[in-house]
Protein backbone atom coordinates (compact mmCIF):
# COMPACT_ATOMS: atom_id res chain seq x y z
CA MET A 1 -28.97 -7.79 -2.52
CA ARG A 2 -29.48 -9.63 1.14
CA LEU A 3 -26.56 -10.57 3.53
CA ARG A 4 -25.51 -14.27 3.53
CA ALA A 5 -23.14 -14.24 6.48
CA ALA A 6 -22.75 -12.78 10.05
CA HIS A 7 -19.26 -12.87 10.54
CA VAL A 8 -16.06 -12.63 8.34
CA ARG A 9 -12.31 -12.15 8.74
CA VAL A 10 -10.32 -10.04 6.46
CA ARG A 11 -6.42 -9.89 6.22
CA VAL A 12 -4.77 -7.06 4.08
CA PRO A 13 -1.13 -6.51 3.59
CA ALA A 14 1.09 -3.13 3.71
CA THR A 15 1.87 -1.84 0.68
CA SER A 16 4.65 0.51 -0.76
CA ALA A 17 3.76 2.75 -3.70
CA ASN A 18 5.62 4.61 -6.45
CA LEU A 19 9.02 2.69 -5.88
CA GLY A 20 10.97 5.69 -6.79
CA PRO A 21 10.10 6.45 -10.73
CA GLY A 22 6.75 4.80 -10.85
CA PHE A 23 4.83 7.69 -9.37
CA ASP A 24 0.81 6.97 -8.46
CA ALA A 25 1.39 3.73 -11.11
CA LEU A 26 3.52 1.28 -9.47
CA GLY A 27 2.90 -0.48 -6.07
CA VAL A 28 3.74 -3.67 -3.96
CA ALA A 29 2.26 -5.61 -1.39
CA LEU A 30 4.47 -6.55 1.67
CA GLY A 31 4.31 -9.09 4.29
CA LEU A 32 3.05 -7.13 7.06
CA HIS A 33 -0.93 -7.60 7.52
CA ASP A 34 -3.86 -5.91 9.42
CA GLU A 35 -6.66 -8.70 10.23
CA ILE A 36 -10.16 -7.66 11.18
CA ASP A 37 -13.09 -9.38 12.27
CA VAL A 38 -16.48 -8.06 11.39
CA ARG A 39 -19.60 -9.19 12.55
CA ALA A 40 -22.88 -8.31 11.44
CA LEU A 41 -25.24 -7.21 14.37
CA GLY A 42 -29.09 -7.48 14.81
CA THR A 43 -29.11 -4.04 16.43
CA PRO A 44 -27.57 -0.48 14.94
CA ASP A 45 -25.01 -0.41 17.13
CA VAL A 46 -21.38 0.30 15.80
CA ARG A 47 -18.29 -0.94 17.91
CA VAL A 48 -14.57 -1.04 16.80
CA GLU A 49 -12.07 -2.58 18.84
CA VAL A 50 -8.36 -1.70 17.71
CA THR A 51 -5.14 -3.08 19.15
CA GLY A 52 -1.74 -2.58 17.63
CA GLU A 53 -1.29 0.64 15.15
CA GLY A 54 -3.71 3.29 15.67
CA ALA A 55 -5.01 2.05 19.27
CA GLY A 56 -6.55 5.02 20.91
CA GLU A 57 -6.13 7.33 17.95
CA VAL A 58 -8.72 6.38 15.20
CA PRO A 59 -12.17 6.37 15.39
CA ASP A 60 -14.46 3.73 16.91
CA GLY A 61 -17.41 4.03 15.25
CA GLU A 62 -19.00 4.93 12.18
CA ASP A 63 -15.86 7.27 11.21
CA HIS A 64 -13.54 4.46 11.22
CA LEU A 65 -11.99 3.92 7.61
CA VAL A 66 -12.92 0.29 7.83
CA VAL A 67 -16.82 0.92 8.62
CA ARG A 68 -16.67 3.79 5.62
CA ALA A 69 -15.46 1.48 3.26
CA LEU A 70 -17.67 -1.52 4.26
CA ARG A 71 -20.76 0.99 4.17
CA ALA A 72 -19.84 2.29 0.54
CA ALA A 73 -19.36 -1.25 -0.65
CA LEU A 74 -22.75 -2.28 0.40
CA ASP A 75 -24.36 0.72 -0.73
CA HIS A 76 -22.77 0.07 -4.25
CA VAL A 77 -24.26 -3.31 -4.40
CA GLY A 78 -27.76 -2.46 -2.90
CA ALA A 79 -27.17 -4.57 0.32
CA PRO A 80 -28.85 -3.62 3.65
CA GLN A 81 -27.00 -1.61 6.10
CA THR A 82 -26.45 -3.51 9.55
CA GLY A 83 -24.79 -2.81 12.86
CA LEU A 84 -21.28 -3.65 13.11
CA HIS A 85 -18.80 -4.89 15.65
CA LEU A 86 -15.10 -4.80 14.33
CA VAL A 87 -12.25 -6.17 15.94
CA CYS A 88 -8.96 -4.70 14.35
CA ARG A 89 -5.54 -6.12 14.91
CA ASN A 90 -3.61 -3.55 13.33
CA ARG A 91 0.30 -3.90 12.25
CA VAL A 92 0.53 -1.44 9.21
CA PRO A 93 2.23 1.67 10.75
CA HIS A 94 0.07 4.62 10.06
CA GLY A 95 1.23 7.91 8.65
CA ARG A 96 4.30 6.16 7.32
CA GLY A 97 3.99 5.46 3.61
CA LEU A 98 3.17 1.76 3.68
CA GLY A 99 -0.12 1.83 2.89
CA SER A 100 -2.29 1.94 5.91
CA SER A 101 -5.30 3.73 4.79
CA ALA A 102 -5.44 1.45 1.68
CA ALA A 103 -5.37 -1.65 3.93
CA ALA A 104 -8.16 0.00 5.71
CA VAL A 105 -10.20 0.75 2.72
CA VAL A 106 -9.76 -2.58 0.72
CA ALA A 107 -10.34 -4.22 4.15
CA GLY A 108 -13.93 -2.77 4.52
CA ILE A 109 -14.71 -3.60 0.85
CA LEU A 110 -13.31 -7.18 1.07
CA ALA A 111 -15.62 -7.69 4.46
CA ALA A 112 -18.55 -6.17 2.48
CA ARG A 113 -17.81 -9.12 -0.18
CA GLY A 114 -17.50 -11.81 2.51
CA LEU A 115 -21.01 -10.64 3.99
CA VAL A 116 -23.04 -10.19 0.86
CA ALA A 117 -25.02 -12.91 -0.99
CA ASP A 118 -23.38 -12.14 -4.44
CA PRO A 119 -19.50 -11.81 -3.92
CA ALA A 120 -18.97 -11.45 -7.64
CA ALA A 121 -20.99 -8.23 -7.34
CA LEU A 122 -17.69 -6.96 -5.45
CA ASP A 123 -14.82 -8.40 -7.63
CA ASP A 124 -11.75 -7.33 -8.02
CA ASP A 125 -12.44 -4.82 -10.81
CA VAL A 126 -15.32 -2.89 -8.79
CA ALA A 127 -13.41 -3.46 -5.23
CA LEU A 128 -10.42 -1.40 -6.83
CA ALA A 129 -12.69 1.12 -8.49
CA LEU A 130 -14.49 1.67 -4.98
CA ALA A 131 -11.38 2.07 -3.05
CA THR A 132 -9.87 4.19 -5.87
CA ARG A 133 -13.10 6.73 -5.04
CA LEU A 134 -12.54 6.68 -1.48
CA GLU A 135 -8.67 6.50 -1.44
CA GLY A 136 -8.08 9.06 -4.35
CA HIS A 137 -5.33 6.83 -6.08
CA PRO A 138 -4.96 3.28 -6.92
CA ASP A 139 -1.59 2.79 -6.42
CA ASN A 140 -1.59 1.28 -2.75
CA ALA A 141 -4.93 -0.11 -3.24
CA ALA A 142 -3.87 -2.44 -6.03
CA PRO A 143 -1.11 -4.35 -4.49
CA ALA A 144 -3.35 -4.77 -1.25
CA LEU A 145 -6.10 -5.97 -3.06
CA LEU A 146 -4.44 -7.99 -5.80
CA GLY A 147 -0.89 -8.85 -4.01
CA GLY A 148 2.53 -8.78 -5.70
CA LEU A 149 3.76 -5.99 -7.92
CA THR A 150 0.83 -4.03 -9.56
CA VAL A 151 0.96 -0.97 -11.90
CA ALA A 152 -2.55 0.90 -12.05
CA TRP A 153 -3.96 3.12 -14.63
CA SER A 154 -6.82 4.99 -15.65
CA ASP A 155 -8.77 4.34 -18.83
CA ASP A 156 -10.06 7.60 -20.90
CA ALA A 157 -12.96 9.04 -18.65
CA PRO A 158 -16.20 9.84 -19.77
CA ALA A 159 -17.90 13.13 -18.91
CA GLY A 160 -17.95 13.70 -15.41
CA GLY A 161 -14.84 11.28 -15.06
CA VAL A 162 -16.77 8.39 -14.14
CA ALA A 163 -18.24 5.39 -15.69
CA ALA A 164 -21.82 4.46 -15.92
CA THR A 165 -21.21 2.63 -12.61
CA GLY A 166 -20.49 6.01 -10.76
CA LEU A 167 -16.91 4.53 -10.26
CA PRO A 168 -13.71 6.02 -11.62
CA PRO A 169 -12.40 3.91 -14.62
CA VAL A 170 -9.15 2.41 -13.24
CA ARG A 171 -7.68 -1.03 -13.99
CA ALA A 172 -4.72 -2.72 -12.56
CA ALA A 173 -2.27 -5.66 -13.70
CA ARG A 174 -0.24 -7.92 -11.46
CA LEU A 175 3.23 -8.83 -12.22
CA ALA A 176 5.43 -11.44 -10.86
CA VAL A 177 8.52 -10.41 -8.89
CA HIS A 178 12.08 -11.99 -9.12
CA PRO A 179 12.54 -14.31 -6.06
CA ASP A 180 15.55 -12.52 -5.25
CA VAL A 181 14.08 -9.16 -4.50
CA ALA A 182 13.97 -8.86 -0.64
CA PRO A 183 12.21 -5.38 0.34
CA VAL A 184 13.24 -3.84 3.57
CA ALA A 185 11.20 -1.06 5.01
CA ILE A 186 13.31 1.09 7.23
CA VAL A 187 10.57 3.16 9.40
CA PRO A 188 11.02 6.19 11.21
CA PRO A 189 9.46 7.04 14.60
CA GLY A 190 7.62 9.92 13.28
CA HIS A 191 4.29 10.32 11.10
CA LEU A 192 3.79 12.32 7.92
CA SER A 193 0.54 12.79 6.46
CA THR A 194 0.02 12.11 2.67
CA HIS A 195 -1.53 15.83 2.47
CA ALA A 196 1.73 17.07 3.60
CA ALA A 197 3.93 15.22 1.18
CA ARG A 198 1.90 16.03 -1.92
CA GLY A 199 1.38 19.54 -0.99
CA VAL A 200 5.04 20.40 -1.86
CA LEU A 201 4.80 18.68 -5.09
CA PRO A 202 5.04 21.32 -8.07
CA ALA A 203 1.99 21.47 -10.50
CA GLN A 204 4.32 21.07 -13.76
CA VAL A 205 7.84 19.51 -14.12
CA PRO A 206 10.13 19.85 -16.73
CA HIS A 207 9.61 17.83 -19.83
CA ALA A 208 13.04 16.52 -20.02
CA ASP A 209 12.87 14.96 -16.39
CA ALA A 210 9.45 13.51 -17.52
CA ALA A 211 11.05 11.64 -20.25
CA TRP A 212 13.72 10.44 -18.12
CA GLN A 213 11.38 9.23 -15.29
CA ALA A 214 9.47 7.26 -18.08
CA GLY A 215 12.52 5.74 -19.08
CA ARG A 216 13.14 4.55 -15.44
CA ALA A 217 9.72 3.38 -14.66
CA ALA A 218 9.78 1.11 -17.86
CA LEU A 219 13.12 -0.50 -16.65
CA LEU A 220 11.87 -0.84 -13.00
CA VAL A 221 9.20 -3.36 -14.38
CA GLU A 222 12.14 -5.15 -16.10
CA ALA A 223 14.27 -5.03 -12.80
CA LEU A 224 11.61 -6.34 -10.47
CA GLY A 225 10.79 -9.17 -12.83
CA ARG A 226 13.72 -10.25 -14.26
CA ARG A 227 16.53 -8.23 -13.30
CA PRO A 228 17.56 -7.40 -9.91
CA ASP A 229 20.89 -6.32 -11.00
CA LEU A 230 19.35 -3.25 -12.49
CA LEU A 231 17.40 -1.87 -9.35
CA LEU A 232 19.61 0.60 -8.43
CA ALA A 233 19.48 2.23 -11.95
CA ALA A 234 15.79 1.51 -12.28
CA THR A 235 14.90 3.31 -9.11
CA GLY A 236 16.29 6.73 -10.22
CA ASP A 237 13.47 9.66 -9.33
CA ARG A 238 12.90 13.35 -10.69
CA LEU A 239 9.66 13.75 -10.28
CA HIS A 240 8.34 13.75 -6.55
CA GLN A 241 11.14 12.42 -3.98
CA GLY A 242 13.61 15.65 -4.50
CA TYR A 243 10.59 17.94 -3.70
CA ARG A 244 9.88 16.65 -0.68
CA ARG A 245 13.56 16.76 0.96
CA ALA A 246 11.96 19.88 2.97
CA VAL A 247 9.15 17.87 4.58
CA MET A 248 11.36 14.59 5.07
CA PRO A 249 14.93 15.63 5.39
CA ALA A 250 16.17 12.63 7.45
CA SER A 251 14.33 10.00 4.96
CA LEU A 252 16.04 11.48 1.86
CA ALA A 253 19.24 11.65 3.70
CA LEU A 254 18.88 8.12 3.89
CA VAL A 255 18.03 7.35 0.68
CA ASP A 256 20.95 9.21 -0.56
CA ALA A 257 23.66 7.54 1.84
CA LEU A 258 22.05 3.99 1.02
CA ARG A 259 22.23 4.67 -2.66
CA ALA A 260 25.91 6.04 -2.23
CA ARG A 261 26.50 2.53 -0.94
CA GLY A 262 24.90 0.75 -3.93
CA VAL A 263 21.48 0.14 -2.55
CA ALA A 264 18.17 0.59 -4.60
CA ALA A 265 16.55 2.82 -1.80
CA VAL A 266 13.30 5.05 -2.39
CA VAL A 267 10.91 6.58 -0.21
CA SER A 268 8.26 4.15 0.48
CA GLY A 269 4.75 5.85 -0.76
CA ALA A 270 4.30 9.47 0.39
CA GLY A 271 7.06 8.54 3.09
CA PRO A 272 8.60 9.18 5.38
CA THR A 273 9.55 5.11 5.51
CA VAL A 274 12.37 4.30 3.13
CA LEU A 275 12.13 1.27 1.27
CA ALA A 276 15.34 -0.79 0.12
CA LEU A 277 14.52 -2.87 -2.54
CA ALA A 278 17.28 -5.27 -1.74
CA ARG A 279 18.52 -8.45 -3.08
CA ARG A 280 18.76 -12.06 -1.22
CA ALA A 281 22.41 -12.78 -0.13
CA GLY A 282 21.77 -16.63 -0.29
CA GLU A 283 23.87 -19.46 -1.00
CA ARG A 284 25.81 -17.73 -3.76
CA HIS A 285 27.60 -15.52 -0.91
CA GLY A 286 27.67 -18.05 1.70
CA THR A 287 25.41 -15.54 3.78
CA GLU A 288 22.02 -15.25 4.96
CA GLY A 289 20.08 -11.55 4.77
CA THR A 290 20.32 -9.19 1.80
CA ASP A 291 22.91 -6.89 0.01
CA ALA A 292 21.42 -4.21 1.83
CA ASP A 293 21.94 -5.27 5.55
CA ALA A 294 25.61 -3.63 6.00
CA ALA A 295 24.81 -0.63 3.92
CA VAL A 296 22.04 0.29 6.47
CA ALA A 297 24.15 -0.70 9.73
CA ASP A 298 27.04 1.50 8.12
CA ALA A 299 24.25 4.52 7.40
CA PHE A 300 23.33 4.39 11.02
CA GLY A 301 26.08 4.17 12.64
CA GLY A 302 25.09 1.77 15.21
CA VAL A 303 22.72 4.64 16.56
CA MET A 304 18.90 4.14 15.25
CA ALA A 305 17.19 6.77 16.98
CA GLY A 306 14.08 5.16 16.73
CA TRP A 307 13.97 3.73 13.48
CA ARG A 308 12.97 0.47 12.78
CA VAL A 309 14.50 -2.07 10.30
CA LEU A 310 11.56 -4.61 8.83
CA PRO A 311 12.53 -7.14 5.98
CA LEU A 312 9.46 -7.44 4.66
CA PRO A 313 9.00 -10.22 1.68
CA VAL A 314 6.68 -9.71 -1.24
CA ASP A 315 3.24 -10.71 -0.46
CA ALA A 316 2.03 -12.70 -3.33
CA THR A 317 -1.84 -13.14 -2.21
CA GLY A 318 -3.11 -9.51 -1.29
CA GLY A 319 -6.21 -9.20 0.46
CA THR A 320 -8.47 -12.13 1.34
CA VAL A 321 -11.75 -12.51 3.32
CA ALA A 322 -12.94 -15.72 5.10
CA THR A 323 -16.71 -16.37 6.79
CA LEU A 324 -16.32 -17.39 10.09
CA LEU A 325 -19.05 -19.72 11.81
CA ASP A 326 -20.21 -18.82 15.24
């Protein structure tokens, strides 16, 4: 397959996975975006310029995650490799549980979609499978790609765990979010690797906890879509957050404090960001903001100690790619 464009711009949202009980399945896209210009070069050079999050820390050549994902997507559709110049304007915090690596992977795949002559060869199904092969799990990649609330799952895998295409058999469905749901990310100053957060999880959990969790995950879909008044009950968790207390004690203490004040707070992804699935106050109460605002202020007692409070609306669009004319 040939390339049809030489310059594209991709925009990919932050995401929050798990949302409490939806471990490795549920995720939501948030209104905070990385934007990347990708230019195909006539030389083999690779140059990556980064501003914002990760500047001076992430690789600036072939090892950059967007470059790796782009190359994997070009290989998958049989398109030629090319030199690349990337200009990355990063806003999604790194190492905080807001899907920065999924955003980079999806950005690379969407950039490849914009560059190749047949974009349909990298449709959403293929893009999700490619992202999952690179990421390991589809829970962040699905909302980064599709927007809104998503539930991702794996079909029964054939021998070897991959389909005939060589891609994992993953799928995702996009669901609507009630307009009163107003996510608020509370971002700590420190990082935590996903590897460290997963390393404290047990290989097995009690059957009673798994059954309890299944009920809460089902309830969460209803709460996010139609019944925001059920969010506090629906965001309960027994599978992962408690086990992670040792590696993110401040985050879990904040979750406990907010939930004690009636706010549906969870660890965002693998943490350590805390996500409050708040509800808009609006005209019904004669105020602006959310029902979490006072609880967050009270929990911190006016001393933020480097934490940032980011109201982030649900992003209903997901990742986009546009061709630029030089």
